[in-house]
Amino acid sequence: MTWLVTGAGGMLGHDVVAELTARGEDVIGLDRAALDITSPDALDRALAEHRPALVVNCAAYTAVDDAETDEARALLINGEGPRLLARACAAHDARLIHVSTDYVFSGDTRTTPYPEDHPTAPRTAYGRTKLAGEQAVLEELPGTGAVVRTAWLYGVHGRSFVRTMIDLEASRPTVDVVDDQRGQPTWSADVAVRIADLGPRLGGAASGVFHATSSGEATWYELAREVFRLIGADPDRVRPTTGAAFPRPAPRPAYSALAHGRWQEIGLPAPRDWRAALHEALPRIRKESPLRETP
């Protein structure tokens, strides 16, 4: 079975290609330069050439703050691109796994994890464009498409909050970190495993929306303290502050933890706790040099 991964140059796309390769799958990874998902002709050529049974869409406009003043471009990549890709998949008899985000929820008043079928209510331009992409995939491929939402990603390839904390620990005596935003720190390699597990099951009842985040919850402050602890630094050098201390163009959700019920429905266990994943990931992140991040 052949897989095609779009956005293969990014953090998650890189890990999806690596995971599928490790499993002995036939996988083609195409970065933004190799495949523009907003071009119907390019999509048709790619699928006709490679004839994948499964496509994983990791291509996205991910500049959350920039999207507030660049929503049209974000919508083209995050909304129209997935629709065009889904139509190409339908035309070439391929199934599609599309990666989305916790930003499709408001994150303002909830205190328990969002189930997969909870009503969406994005508060940012980025969230609106990602929701448009979700809706497009599920409309175009109701039985052979899946949306995999993730959040708070960190990994070996590219920039992330975890890598920033490692760098700041080495350069500052103390670090102020937000303690009033709660979510699920998630290793991109774990999301790649979930996508690889879902692919062969995809179709019929095993379609729709899935949440691929780590189990458990943390604030950014709690995550930073755990990073410091695991690298042998004093966690008390991390000081709590509020989101108001770091104003951003796009409001960050106060609570964005996601529930994982759909995995059990298709015979897979819930994701592991975020602390266990971070413990395994940190030595690899510290060893590798980051790739240049691309939107």
C-alpha atoms as a PDB file:
ATOM      1  CA  MET A   1       0.000   0.000   0.000  1.00  0.00           C
ATOM      2  CA  THR A   2       1.361   3.385  -1.016  1.00  0.00           C
ATOM      3  CA  TRP A   3       1.069   6.454   1.227  1.00  0.00           C
ATOM      4  CA  LEU A   4       1.555  10.057   0.108  1.00  0.00           C
ATOM      5  CA  VAL A   5       2.369  12.678   2.742  1.00  0.00           C
ATOM      6  CA  THR A   6       1.927  16.367   1.936  1.00  0.00           C
ATOM      7  CA  GLY A   7       3.785  18.982   3.960  1.00  0.00           C
ATOM      8  CA  ALA A   8       6.542  16.419   4.501  1.00  0.00           C
ATOM      9  CA  GLY A   9       9.122  19.096   5.257  1.00  0.00           C
ATOM     10  CA  GLY A  10       7.441  20.157   8.496  1.00  0.00           C
ATOM     11  CA  MET A  11       7.734  18.761  12.002  1.00  0.00           C
ATOM     12  CA  LEU A  12       4.792  16.375  11.827  1.00  0.00           C
ATOM     13  CA  GLY A  13       5.141  15.535   8.144  1.00  0.00           C
ATOM     14  CA  HIS A  14       8.742  14.528   8.700  1.00  0.00           C
ATOM     15  CA  ASP A  15       7.736  12.234  11.558  1.00  0.00           C
ATOM     16  CA  VAL A  16       4.873  10.664   9.595  1.00  0.00           C
ATOM     17  CA  VAL A  17       7.239   9.787   6.745  1.00  0.00           C
ATOM     18  CA  ALA A  18       9.769   8.382   9.227  1.00  0.00           C
ATOM     19  CA  GLU A  19       7.167   6.282  11.054  1.00  0.00           C
ATOM     20  CA  LEU A  20       5.733   4.821   7.858  1.00  0.00           C
ATOM     21  CA  THR A  21       9.224   4.098   6.531  1.00  0.00           C
ATOM     22  CA  ALA A  22      10.107   2.324   9.785  1.00  0.00           C
ATOM     23  CA  ARG A  23       7.041   0.131   9.315  1.00  0.00           C
ATOM     24  CA  GLY A  24       8.183  -0.871   5.848  1.00  0.00           C
ATOM     25  CA  GLU A  25       5.429   1.055   4.067  1.00  0.00           C
ATOM     26  CA  ASP A  26       5.817   2.479   0.587  1.00  0.00           C
ATOM     27  CA  VAL A  27       5.709   6.223   1.319  1.00  0.00           C
ATOM     28  CA  ILE A  28       6.210   9.347  -0.775  1.00  0.00           C
ATOM     29  CA  GLY A  29       6.854  12.553   1.148  1.00  0.00           C
ATOM     30  CA  LEU A  30       6.274  15.817  -0.713  1.00  0.00           C
ATOM     31  CA  ASP A  31       7.128  19.173   0.821  1.00  0.00           C
ATOM     32  CA  ARG A  32       5.605  22.521  -0.106  1.00  0.00           C
ATOM     33  CA  ALA A  33       8.009  23.032  -3.004  1.00  0.00           C
ATOM     34  CA  ALA A  34       7.165  19.621  -4.455  1.00  0.00           C
ATOM     35  CA  LEU A  35       3.379  19.869  -4.120  1.00  0.00           C
ATOM     36  CA  ASP A  36       1.134  22.909  -3.800  1.00  0.00           C
ATOM     37  CA  ILE A  37      -2.157  21.639  -2.388  1.00  0.00           C
ATOM     38  CA  THR A  38      -3.957  24.763  -3.640  1.00  0.00           C
ATOM     39  CA  SER A  39      -3.268  23.744  -7.274  1.00  0.00           C
ATOM     40  CA  PRO A  40      -5.822  21.265  -8.709  1.00  0.00           C
ATOM     41  CA  ASP A  41      -3.504  20.428 -11.602  1.00  0.00           C
ATOM     42  CA  ALA A  42      -0.563  19.735  -9.296  1.00  0.00           C
ATOM     43  CA  LEU A  43      -2.712  17.505  -7.104  1.00  0.00           C
ATOM     44  CA  ASP A  44      -4.057  15.562 -10.067  1.00  0.00           C
ATOM     45  CA  ARG A  45      -0.542  15.004 -11.418  1.00  0.00           C
ATOM     46  CA  ALA A  46       0.820  13.882  -8.042  1.00  0.00           C
ATOM     47  CA  LEU A  47      -1.935  11.387  -7.385  1.00  0.00           C
ATOM     48  CA  ALA A  48      -1.878  10.088 -10.951  1.00  0.00           C
ATOM     49  CA  GLU A  49       1.890   9.577 -10.780  1.00  0.00           C
ATOM     50  CA  HIS A  50       2.162   8.020  -7.329  1.00  0.00           C
ATOM     51  CA  ARG A  51      -1.267   6.309  -7.118  1.00  0.00           C
ATOM     52  CA  PRO A  52      -1.451   6.335  -3.304  1.00  0.00           C
ATOM     53  CA  ALA A  53      -4.076   4.365  -1.417  1.00  0.00           C
ATOM     54  CA  LEU A  54      -3.751   6.793   1.487  1.00  0.00           C
ATOM     55  CA  VAL A  55      -2.909  10.488   1.627  1.00  0.00           C
ATOM     56  CA  VAL A  56      -1.901  12.291   4.839  1.00  0.00           C
ATOM     57  CA  ASN A  57      -2.264  16.070   4.652  1.00  0.00           C
ATOM     58  CA  CYS A  58       0.269  17.764   6.910  1.00  0.00           C
ATOM     59  CA  ALA A  59       0.452  20.878   4.717  1.00  0.00           C
ATOM     60  CA  ALA A  60      -0.902  23.962   6.481  1.00  0.00           C
ATOM     61  CA  TYR A  61      -0.609  27.667   7.135  1.00  0.00           C
ATOM     62  CA  THR A  62       0.469  27.556  10.791  1.00  0.00           C
ATOM     63  CA  ALA A  63       1.342  31.194  11.585  1.00  0.00           C
ATOM     64  CA  VAL A  64      -1.453  31.679  14.120  1.00  0.00           C
ATOM     65  CA  ASP A  65      -0.846  35.374  14.762  1.00  0.00           C
ATOM     66  CA  ASP A  66      -0.138  36.291  11.144  1.00  0.00           C
ATOM     67  CA  ALA A  67      -3.444  34.761  10.094  1.00  0.00           C
ATOM     68  CA  GLU A  68      -5.302  37.541  11.914  1.00  0.00           C
ATOM     69  CA  THR A  69      -4.248  39.951   9.151  1.00  0.00           C
ATOM     70  CA  ASP A  70      -3.685  37.344   6.411  1.00  0.00           C
ATOM     71  CA  GLU A  71      -6.863  35.301   6.694  1.00  0.00           C
ATOM     72  CA  ALA A  72      -7.466  35.067   2.950  1.00  0.00           C
ATOM     73  CA  ARG A  73      -4.135  33.323   2.359  1.00  0.00           C
ATOM     74  CA  ALA A  74      -4.594  31.150   5.441  1.00  0.00           C
ATOM     75  CA  LEU A  75      -8.036  30.140   4.186  1.00  0.00           C
ATOM     76  CA  LEU A  76      -6.635  29.273   0.763  1.00  0.00           C
ATOM     77  CA  ILE A  77      -4.098  26.871   2.292  1.00  0.00           C
ATOM     78  CA  ASN A  78      -6.071  25.584   5.301  1.00  0.00           C
ATOM     79  CA  GLY A  79      -9.568  25.566   3.814  1.00  0.00           C
ATOM     80  CA  GLU A  80      -9.547  25.434   0.019  1.00  0.00           C
ATOM     81  CA  GLY A  81      -6.401  23.310  -0.179  1.00  0.00           C
ATOM     82  CA  PRO A  82      -7.905  20.407   1.808  1.00  0.00           C
ATOM     83  CA  ARG A  83     -11.097  20.594  -0.282  1.00  0.00           C
ATOM     84  CA  LEU A  84      -9.113  20.353  -3.511  1.00  0.00           C
ATOM     85  CA  LEU A  85      -7.023  17.538  -2.057  1.00  0.00           C
ATOM     86  CA  ALA A  86     -10.133  15.652  -0.939  1.00  0.00           C
ATOM     87  CA  ARG A  87     -11.634  15.975  -4.425  1.00  0.00           C
ATOM     88  CA  ALA A  88      -8.415  14.689  -5.962  1.00  0.00           C
ATOM     89  CA  CYS A  89      -8.479  11.750  -3.550  1.00  0.00           C
ATOM     90  CA  ALA A  90     -12.071  10.970  -4.564  1.00  0.00           C
ATOM     91  CA  ALA A  91     -11.108  11.102  -8.238  1.00  0.00           C
ATOM     92  CA  HIS A  92      -8.128   8.788  -7.728  1.00  0.00           C
ATOM     93  CA  ASP A  93      -9.740   6.373  -5.242  1.00  0.00           C
ATOM     94  CA  ALA A  94      -7.531   7.370  -2.317  1.00  0.00           C
ATOM     95  CA  ARG A  95      -8.413   7.791   1.334  1.00  0.00           C
ATOM     96  CA  LEU A  96      -7.387  10.938   3.210  1.00  0.00           C
ATOM     97  CA  ILE A  97      -6.216  11.744   6.739  1.00  0.00           C
ATOM     98  CA  HIS A  98      -6.233  15.501   7.326  1.00  0.00           C
ATOM     99  CA  VAL A  99      -4.442  17.096  10.294  1.00  0.00           C
ATOM    100  CA  SER A 100      -6.279  19.809  12.223  1.00  0.00           C
ATOM    101  CA  THR A 101      -6.074  21.650  15.532  1.00  0.00           C
ATOM    102  CA  ASP A 102      -7.574  22.421  18.934  1.00  0.00           C
ATOM    103  CA  TYR A 103      -8.116  26.015  17.744  1.00  0.00           C
ATOM    104  CA  VAL A 104     -11.436  24.933  16.212  1.00  0.00           C
ATOM    105  CA  PHE A 105     -12.809  25.152  19.779  1.00  0.00           C
ATOM    106  CA  SER A 106     -13.291  28.371  21.729  1.00  0.00           C
ATOM    107  CA  GLY A 107     -11.300  27.230  24.767  1.00  0.00           C
ATOM    108  CA  ASP A 108     -12.766  29.933  26.964  1.00  0.00           C
ATOM    109  CA  THR A 109     -15.077  28.336  29.535  1.00  0.00           C
ATOM    110  CA  ARG A 110     -14.636  24.557  29.391  1.00  0.00           C
ATOM    111  CA  THR A 111     -12.840  22.648  32.174  1.00  0.00           C
ATOM    112  CA  THR A 112     -13.026  19.058  30.871  1.00  0.00           C
ATOM    113  CA  PRO A 113     -11.592  17.665  27.615  1.00  0.00           C
ATOM    114  CA  TYR A 114     -13.507  18.361  24.414  1.00  0.00           C
ATOM    115  CA  PRO A 115     -15.025  15.205  22.894  1.00  0.00           C
ATOM    116  CA  GLU A 116     -14.640  14.730  19.175  1.00  0.00           C
ATOM    117  CA  ASP A 117     -18.252  15.662  18.452  1.00  0.00           C
ATOM    118  CA  HIS A 118     -18.339  18.819  20.584  1.00  0.00           C
ATOM    119  CA  PRO A 119     -19.645  21.873  18.678  1.00  0.00           C
ATOM    120  CA  THR A 120     -16.833  23.942  17.215  1.00  0.00           C
ATOM    121  CA  ALA A 121     -16.492  27.683  17.870  1.00  0.00           C
ATOM    122  CA  PRO A 122     -13.131  29.083  16.719  1.00  0.00           C
ATOM    123  CA  ARG A 123     -12.105  32.484  18.097  1.00  0.00           C
ATOM    124  CA  THR A 124      -9.207  33.158  15.728  1.00  0.00           C
ATOM    125  CA  ALA A 125      -8.662  33.469  11.990  1.00  0.00           C
ATOM    126  CA  TYR A 126      -6.377  30.439  12.136  1.00  0.00           C
ATOM    127  CA  GLY A 127      -9.079  28.397  13.867  1.00  0.00           C
ATOM    128  CA  ARG A 128     -11.708  29.452  11.333  1.00  0.00           C
ATOM    129  CA  THR A 129      -9.518  28.450   8.407  1.00  0.00           C
ATOM    130  CA  LYS A 130      -8.649  25.097   9.940  1.00  0.00           C
ATOM    131  CA  LEU A 131     -12.314  24.410  10.638  1.00  0.00           C
ATOM    132  CA  ALA A 132     -13.081  25.159   6.990  1.00  0.00           C
ATOM    133  CA  GLY A 133     -10.559  22.495   6.019  1.00  0.00           C
ATOM    134  CA  GLU A 134     -12.094  19.959   8.378  1.00  0.00           C
ATOM    135  CA  GLN A 135     -15.563  20.579   7.006  1.00  0.00           C
ATOM    136  CA  ALA A 136     -14.325  20.323   3.429  1.00  0.00           C
ATOM    137  CA  VAL A 137     -12.682  16.927   3.978  1.00  0.00           C
ATOM    138  CA  LEU A 138     -15.681  15.458   5.782  1.00  0.00           C
ATOM    139  CA  GLU A 139     -18.080  16.781   3.121  1.00  0.00           C
ATOM    140  CA  GLU A 140     -16.054  15.545   0.158  1.00  0.00           C
ATOM    141  CA  LEU A 141     -15.047  12.177   1.691  1.00  0.00           C
ATOM    142  CA  PRO A 142     -17.784  11.234   4.185  1.00  0.00           C
ATOM    143  CA  GLY A 143     -16.760   7.566   4.362  1.00  0.00           C
ATOM    144  CA  THR A 144     -13.087   7.632   3.416  1.00  0.00           C
ATOM    145  CA  GLY A 145     -11.821  10.788   5.089  1.00  0.00           C
ATOM    146  CA  ALA A 146     -10.626  11.436   8.629  1.00  0.00           C
ATOM    147  CA  VAL A 147      -9.697  14.564  10.552  1.00  0.00           C
ATOM    148  CA  VAL A 148      -6.978  14.142  13.175  1.00  0.00           C
ATOM    149  CA  ARG A 149      -6.832  17.099  15.569  1.00  0.00           C
ATOM    150  CA  THR A 150      -3.690  17.699  17.552  1.00  0.00           C
ATOM    151  CA  ALA A 151      -2.282  20.487  19.717  1.00  0.00           C
ATOM    152  CA  TRP A 152       0.743  21.827  21.606  1.00  0.00           C
ATOM    153  CA  LEU A 153       3.115  19.965  19.281  1.00  0.00           C
ATOM    154  CA  TYR A 154       6.832  19.650  19.876  1.00  0.00           C
ATOM    155  CA  GLY A 155       9.357  17.464  18.102  1.00  0.00           C
ATOM    156  CA  VAL A 156      12.877  16.957  16.887  1.00  0.00           C
ATOM    157  CA  HIS A 157      12.413  18.860  13.634  1.00  0.00           C
ATOM    158  CA  GLY A 158      11.540  22.532  13.783  1.00  0.00           C
ATOM    159  CA  ARG A 159      10.899  25.060  16.495  1.00  0.00           C
ATOM    160  CA  SER A 160       8.624  24.414  19.459  1.00  0.00           C
ATOM    161  CA  PHE A 161       7.938  25.563  23.002  1.00  0.00           C
ATOM    162  CA  VAL A 162       9.962  22.652  24.382  1.00  0.00           C
ATOM    163  CA  ARG A 163      13.024  23.558  22.317  1.00  0.00           C
ATOM    164  CA  THR A 164      12.631  27.208  23.325  1.00  0.00           C
ATOM    165  CA  MET A 165      12.645  26.242  27.003  1.00  0.00           C
ATOM    166  CA  ILE A 166      15.813  24.196  26.498  1.00  0.00           C
ATOM    167  CA  ASP A 167      17.480  27.198  24.884  1.00  0.00           C
ATOM    168  CA  LEU A 168      16.278  29.657  27.528  1.00  0.00           C
ATOM    169  CA  GLU A 169      17.446  27.434  30.364  1.00  0.00           C
ATOM    170  CA  ALA A 170      20.951  27.765  28.986  1.00  0.00           C
ATOM    171  CA  SER A 171      20.805  31.532  28.553  1.00  0.00           C
ATOM    172  CA  ARG A 172      18.670  32.998  31.358  1.00  0.00           C
ATOM    173  CA  PRO A 173      18.690  32.713  35.134  1.00  0.00           C
ATOM    174  CA  THR A 174      14.867  32.650  35.278  1.00  0.00           C
ATOM    175  CA  VAL A 175      12.051  32.248  32.748  1.00  0.00           C
ATOM    176  CA  ASP A 176       8.501  33.619  33.070  1.00  0.00           C
ATOM    177  CA  VAL A 177       5.918  31.227  31.607  1.00  0.00           C
ATOM    178  CA  VAL A 178       2.144  31.428  31.249  1.00  0.00           C
ATOM    179  CA  ASP A 179       0.224  29.481  33.893  1.00  0.00           C
ATOM    180  CA  ASP A 180      -3.394  30.261  32.910  1.00  0.00           C
ATOM    181  CA  GLN A 181      -3.597  28.311  29.631  1.00  0.00           C
ATOM    182  CA  ARG A 182      -4.111  24.549  29.901  1.00  0.00           C
ATOM    183  CA  GLY A 183      -3.711  21.892  27.235  1.00  0.00           C
ATOM    184  CA  GLN A 184      -1.884  18.707  26.279  1.00  0.00           C
ATOM    185  CA  PRO A 185       1.817  18.799  25.349  1.00  0.00           C
ATOM    186  CA  THR A 186       2.130  16.339  22.469  1.00  0.00           C
ATOM    187  CA  TRP A 187       5.165  14.774  20.802  1.00  0.00           C
ATOM    188  CA  SER A 188       4.801  14.858  17.030  1.00  0.00           C
ATOM    189  CA  ALA A 189       6.267  11.342  16.778  1.00  0.00           C
ATOM    190  CA  ASP A 190       3.332  10.029  18.843  1.00  0.00           C
ATOM    191  CA  VAL A 191       0.890  11.700  16.450  1.00  0.00           C
ATOM    192  CA  ALA A 192       2.692  10.028  13.549  1.00  0.00           C
ATOM    193  CA  VAL A 193       2.157   6.652  15.224  1.00  0.00           C
ATOM    194  CA  ARG A 194      -1.568   7.403  15.582  1.00  0.00           C
ATOM    195  CA  ILE A 195      -1.842   8.355  11.917  1.00  0.00           C
ATOM    196  CA  ALA A 196       0.013   5.216  10.839  1.00  0.00           C
ATOM    197  CA  ASP A 197      -2.297   3.095  13.021  1.00  0.00           C
ATOM    198  CA  LEU A 198      -5.432   4.783  11.698  1.00  0.00           C
ATOM    199  CA  GLY A 199      -4.592   4.512   8.006  1.00  0.00           C
ATOM    200  CA  PRO A 200      -5.247   0.787   7.457  1.00  0.00           C
ATOM    201  CA  ARG A 201      -8.484   1.035   9.471  1.00  0.00           C
ATOM    202  CA  LEU A 202      -9.782   4.131   7.684  1.00  0.00           C
ATOM    203  CA  GLY A 203     -13.191   3.764   6.070  1.00  0.00           C
ATOM    204  CA  GLY A 204     -16.817   3.441   7.112  1.00  0.00           C
ATOM    205  CA  ALA A 205     -17.143   3.567  10.889  1.00  0.00           C
ATOM    206  CA  ALA A 206     -13.427   4.342  11.205  1.00  0.00           C
ATOM    207  CA  SER A 207     -13.751   7.765   9.599  1.00  0.00           C
ATOM    208  CA  GLY A 208     -14.652  11.229  10.871  1.00  0.00           C
ATOM    209  CA  VAL A 209     -12.858  13.070  13.669  1.00  0.00           C
ATOM    210  CA  PHE A 210     -10.124  11.766  15.977  1.00  0.00           C
ATOM    211  CA  HIS A 211      -8.086  13.556  18.641  1.00  0.00           C
ATOM    212  CA  ALA A 212      -4.355  12.832  18.636  1.00  0.00           C
ATOM    213  CA  THR A 213      -2.963  14.572  21.693  1.00  0.00           C
ATOM    214  CA  SER A 214      -1.225  13.138  24.720  1.00  0.00           C
ATOM    215  CA  SER A 215      -3.317  12.197  27.727  1.00  0.00           C
ATOM    216  CA  GLY A 216      -3.271  14.314  30.848  1.00  0.00           C
ATOM    217  CA  GLU A 217      -3.133  18.097  31.057  1.00  0.00           C
ATOM    218  CA  ALA A 218      -0.647  20.844  31.873  1.00  0.00           C
ATOM    219  CA  THR A 219      -0.196  24.580  31.697  1.00  0.00           C
ATOM    220  CA  TRP A 220       2.738  26.017  29.779  1.00  0.00           C
ATOM    221  CA  TYR A 221       4.301  26.771  33.170  1.00  0.00           C
ATOM    222  CA  GLU A 222       3.948  23.149  34.282  1.00  0.00           C
ATOM    223  CA  LEU A 223       5.389  21.941  30.985  1.00  0.00           C
ATOM    224  CA  ALA A 224       8.368  24.281  31.302  1.00  0.00           C
ATOM    225  CA  ARG A 225       9.062  23.071  34.842  1.00  0.00           C
ATOM    226  CA  GLU A 226       9.005  19.466  33.636  1.00  0.00           C
ATOM    227  CA  VAL A 227      11.429  20.298  30.820  1.00  0.00           C
ATOM    228  CA  PHE A 228      13.797  21.928  33.309  1.00  0.00           C
ATOM    229  CA  ARG A 229      13.530  18.963  35.672  1.00  0.00           C
ATOM    230  CA  LEU A 230      14.225  16.409  32.956  1.00  0.00           C
ATOM    231  CA  ILE A 231      17.341  18.208  31.716  1.00  0.00           C
ATOM    232  CA  GLY A 232      18.713  18.509  35.240  1.00  0.00           C
ATOM    233  CA  ALA A 233      17.912  22.193  35.830  1.00  0.00           C
ATOM    234  CA  ASP A 234      16.137  23.695  38.836  1.00  0.00           C
ATOM    235  CA  PRO A 235      12.382  23.873  38.036  1.00  0.00           C
ATOM    236  CA  ASP A 236      12.048  26.809  40.440  1.00  0.00           C
ATOM    237  CA  ARG A 237      13.864  28.933  37.891  1.00  0.00           C
ATOM    238  CA  VAL A 238      10.568  28.856  35.967  1.00  0.00           C
ATOM    239  CA  ARG A 239       8.190  31.520  37.296  1.00  0.00           C
ATOM    240  CA  PRO A 240       4.420  31.598  36.666  1.00  0.00           C
ATOM    241  CA  THR A 241       2.747  34.500  34.912  1.00  0.00           C
ATOM    242  CA  THR A 242      -0.475  35.133  32.976  1.00  0.00           C
ATOM    243  CA  GLY A 243      -1.300  35.260  29.309  1.00  0.00           C
ATOM    244  CA  ALA A 244      -1.932  38.984  29.693  1.00  0.00           C
ATOM    245  CA  ALA A 245       1.810  39.412  30.190  1.00  0.00           C
ATOM    246  CA  PHE A 246       2.393  38.177  26.631  1.00  0.00           C
ATOM    247  CA  PRO A 247      -0.327  39.789  24.482  1.00  0.00           C
ATOM    248  CA  ARG A 248      -0.673  38.243  21.019  1.00  0.00           C
ATOM    249  CA  PRO A 249      -2.769  39.206  17.973  1.00  0.00           C
ATOM    250  CA  ALA A 250      -4.616  35.882  18.164  1.00  0.00           C
ATOM    251  CA  PRO A 251      -6.085  35.008  21.578  1.00  0.00           C
ATOM    252  CA  ARG A 252      -4.837  31.721  23.005  1.00  0.00           C
ATOM    253  CA  PRO A 253      -7.424  29.322  24.445  1.00  0.00           C
ATOM    254  CA  ALA A 254      -7.530  29.139  28.215  1.00  0.00           C
ATOM    255  CA  TYR A 255      -8.437  25.444  27.994  1.00  0.00           C
ATOM    256  CA  SER A 256      -7.959  23.183  24.985  1.00  0.00           C
ATOM    257  CA  ALA A 257      -7.549  19.616  26.240  1.00  0.00           C
ATOM    258  CA  LEU A 258      -9.075  17.037  23.882  1.00  0.00           C
ATOM    259  CA  ALA A 259     -10.805  13.742  24.727  1.00  0.00           C
ATOM    260  CA  HIS A 260      -9.819  10.500  22.999  1.00  0.00           C
ATOM    261  CA  GLY A 261     -12.933   8.325  22.884  1.00  0.00           C
ATOM    262  CA  ARG A 262     -12.827   7.547  19.161  1.00  0.00           C
ATOM    263  CA  TRP A 263      -9.626   5.518  19.433  1.00  0.00           C
ATOM    264  CA  GLN A 264     -11.248   2.935  21.668  1.00  0.00           C
ATOM    265  CA  GLU A 265     -14.118   2.665  19.183  1.00  0.00           C
ATOM    266  CA  ILE A 266     -11.719   1.385  16.517  1.00  0.00           C
ATOM    267  CA  GLY A 267      -9.764  -0.879  18.847  1.00  0.00           C
ATOM    268  CA  LEU A 268      -6.823   1.353  19.774  1.00  0.00           C
ATOM    269  CA  PRO A 269      -5.819   2.417  23.304  1.00  0.00           C
ATOM    270  CA  ALA A 270      -5.923   5.995  24.518  1.00  0.00           C
ATOM    271  CA  PRO A 271      -2.703   7.983  23.952  1.00  0.00           C
ATOM    272  CA  ARG A 272      -0.039   7.853  26.642  1.00  0.00           C
ATOM    273  CA  ASP A 273       0.493  10.547  29.261  1.00  0.00           C
ATOM    274  CA  TRP A 274       2.341  13.676  28.152  1.00  0.00           C
ATOM    275  CA  ARG A 275       5.044  13.225  30.798  1.00  0.00           C
ATOM    276  CA  ALA A 276       6.003   9.774  29.514  1.00  0.00           C
ATOM    277  CA  ALA A 277       6.247  11.091  25.957  1.00  0.00           C
ATOM    278  CA  LEU A 278       8.314  14.109  26.986  1.00  0.00           C
ATOM    279  CA  HIS A 279      10.719  11.912  28.946  1.00  0.00           C
ATOM    280  CA  GLU A 280      11.408   9.864  25.811  1.00  0.00           C
ATOM    281  CA  ALA A 281      11.485  12.804  23.404  1.00  0.00           C
ATOM    282  CA  LEU A 282      13.777  15.227  25.241  1.00  0.00           C
ATOM    283  CA  PRO A 283      17.099  13.412  24.675  1.00  0.00           C
ATOM    284  CA  ARG A 284      16.382  13.286  20.943  1.00  0.00           C
ATOM    285  CA  ILE A 285      15.375  16.946  20.776  1.00  0.00           C
ATOM    286  CA  ARG A 286      18.528  18.009  22.620  1.00  0.00           C
ATOM    287  CA  LYS A 287      20.703  15.907  20.312  1.00  0.00           C
ATOM    288  CA  GLU A 288      19.337  17.053  16.965  1.00  0.00           C
ATOM    289  CA  SER A 289      19.617  20.482  15.362  1.00  0.00           C
ATOM    290  CA  PRO A 290      16.296  22.104  14.450  1.00  0.00           C
ATOM    291  CA  LEU A 291      15.224  22.416  10.847  1.00  0.00           C
ATOM    292  CA  ARG A 292      14.177  25.787   9.547  1.00  0.00           C
ATOM    293  CA  GLU A 293      10.451  26.188  10.191  1.00  0.00           C
ATOM    294  CA  THR A 294       8.209  26.891   7.212  1.00  0.00           C
ATOM    295  CA  PRO A 295       4.555  28.025   7.402  1.00  0.00           C
END
